[in-house]
Amino acid sequence: MVIIECFFSIYTKRAILGGCMSLVIMLTVTFLLGKLSGYEAKVLIRHSLTGMYTLCNTISLVLTTILALLLTLLGISSSSKSKLKKDHYRHILQIVKLDTVVFVA
């Protein structure tokens, strides 16, 4: 538990918990609504393939925009005369690390 506290802030832990709860709810609803046969799944995947390409392109565009905005934020915050807390920079670093991992993957 100490390792998790070192890497994740309370906000990141809340986001991860919310994502896990959403996953459990979606899996439960999917299971309760019914199962697809192999043929039906194949047809659905074939029809949604173009949408998947668009989704992947949109995700990569969003991730590069986030990185650019965070770099701008760092430039503005470092040139300002006000003193920012160390947590501010740590949160930005966490976002950048996660963004980079998702972008590369």
Protein backbone atom coordinates (compact mmCIF):
# COMPACT_ATOMS: atom_id res chain seq x y z
CA MET A 1 0.00 0.00 0.00
CA VAL A 2 2.95 2.32 0.62
CA ILE A 3 4.06 1.97 -2.99
CA ILE A 4 0.64 3.01 -4.25
CA GLU A 5 0.66 6.07 -1.98
CA CYS A 6 4.03 7.16 -3.38
CA PHE A 7 2.93 7.09 -7.02
CA PHE A 8 -0.71 8.14 -6.92
CA SER A 9 -2.36 11.13 -5.36
CA ILE A 10 -5.80 10.93 -3.76
CA TYR A 11 -7.35 12.28 -6.97
CA THR A 12 -5.70 9.62 -9.10
CA LYS A 13 -6.86 6.90 -6.71
CA ARG A 14 -10.42 8.21 -6.96
CA ALA A 15 -10.26 8.18 -10.76
CA ILE A 16 -8.94 4.60 -10.79
CA LEU A 17 -11.64 3.49 -8.35
CA GLY A 18 -14.34 5.15 -10.47
CA GLY A 19 -13.02 3.44 -13.60
CA CYS A 20 -13.00 0.05 -11.88
CA MET A 21 -16.56 0.57 -10.64
CA SER A 22 -17.69 1.52 -14.15
CA LEU A 23 -16.02 -1.57 -15.57
CA VAL A 24 -17.80 -3.85 -13.09
CA ILE A 25 -21.16 -2.22 -13.86
CA MET A 26 -20.67 -2.51 -17.62
CA LEU A 27 -19.61 -6.15 -17.38
CA THR A 28 -22.59 -6.97 -15.18
CA VAL A 29 -25.07 -5.29 -17.53
CA THR A 30 -23.50 -6.98 -20.55
CA PHE A 31 -23.76 -10.36 -18.87
CA LEU A 32 -27.37 -9.78 -17.82
CA LEU A 33 -28.52 -8.55 -21.25
CA GLY A 34 -27.34 -11.65 -23.04
CA LYS A 35 -24.50 -13.22 -24.91
CA LEU A 36 -23.55 -12.88 -28.55
CA SER A 37 -22.79 -15.83 -30.75
CA GLY A 38 -19.46 -15.91 -32.54
CA TYR A 39 -21.05 -15.04 -35.88
CA GLU A 40 -22.96 -12.05 -34.48
CA ALA A 41 -19.81 -10.74 -32.81
CA LYS A 42 -17.88 -11.10 -36.08
CA VAL A 43 -20.53 -9.14 -37.99
CA LEU A 44 -20.63 -6.39 -35.35
CA ILE A 45 -16.83 -6.07 -35.35
CA ARG A 46 -16.76 -5.92 -39.14
CA HIS A 47 -19.34 -3.13 -39.19
CA SER A 48 -17.63 -1.11 -36.46
CA LEU A 49 -14.09 -1.35 -37.86
CA THR A 50 -14.17 2.03 -39.63
CA GLY A 51 -15.44 3.65 -36.45
CA MET A 52 -12.54 2.09 -34.54
CA TYR A 53 -10.03 3.66 -36.92
CA THR A 54 -11.66 7.04 -36.40
CA LEU A 55 -11.68 6.53 -32.63
CA CYS A 56 -7.97 5.66 -32.56
CA ASN A 57 -7.09 8.71 -34.68
CA THR A 58 -9.17 10.93 -32.41
CA ILE A 59 -7.51 9.53 -29.28
CA SER A 60 -4.03 10.18 -30.66
CA LEU A 61 -5.02 13.72 -31.62
CA VAL A 62 -6.43 14.38 -28.15
CA LEU A 63 -3.32 13.00 -26.44
CA THR A 64 -0.96 15.18 -28.45
CA THR A 65 -3.15 18.21 -27.72
CA ILE A 66 -3.04 17.43 -23.99
CA LEU A 67 0.76 17.18 -24.11
CA ALA A 68 1.02 20.49 -25.95
CA LEU A 69 -1.30 22.22 -23.48
CA LEU A 70 0.60 20.84 -20.50
CA LEU A 71 3.88 22.08 -21.96
CA THR A 72 2.28 25.49 -22.39
CA LEU A 73 1.03 25.35 -18.79
CA LEU A 74 4.51 24.51 -17.54
CA GLY A 75 5.99 27.36 -19.54
CA ILE A 76 3.48 29.85 -18.17
CA SER A 77 3.75 28.62 -14.58
CA SER A 78 7.55 28.65 -14.60
CA SER A 79 7.72 32.19 -15.96
CA SER A 80 5.13 33.57 -13.54
CA LYS A 81 6.26 35.29 -10.36
CA SER A 82 3.85 33.41 -8.13
CA LYS A 83 5.05 30.40 -6.19
CA LEU A 84 3.22 27.20 -6.98
CA LYS A 85 3.05 24.20 -4.72
CA LYS A 86 5.16 21.14 -5.40
CA ASP A 87 1.91 19.16 -5.78
CA HIS A 88 1.05 21.24 -8.85
CA TYR A 89 4.11 20.03 -10.70
CA ARG A 90 3.69 16.47 -9.44
CA HIS A 91 0.12 16.30 -10.77
CA ILE A 92 1.27 17.61 -14.14
CA LEU A 93 4.06 15.03 -14.21
CA GLN A 94 1.57 12.22 -13.46
CA ILE A 95 -0.71 13.38 -16.26
CA VAL A 96 2.18 13.63 -18.71
CA LYS A 97 3.48 10.15 -17.81
CA LEU A 98 0.05 8.57 -18.25
CA ASP A 99 -0.58 10.51 -21.45
CA THR A 100 2.77 9.41 -22.91
CA VAL A 101 2.22 5.75 -22.02
CA VAL A 102 -1.23 5.74 -23.62
CA PHE A 103 0.04 7.60 -26.69
CA VAL A 104 2.93 5.18 -27.24
CA ALA A 105 0.73 2.12 -26.65
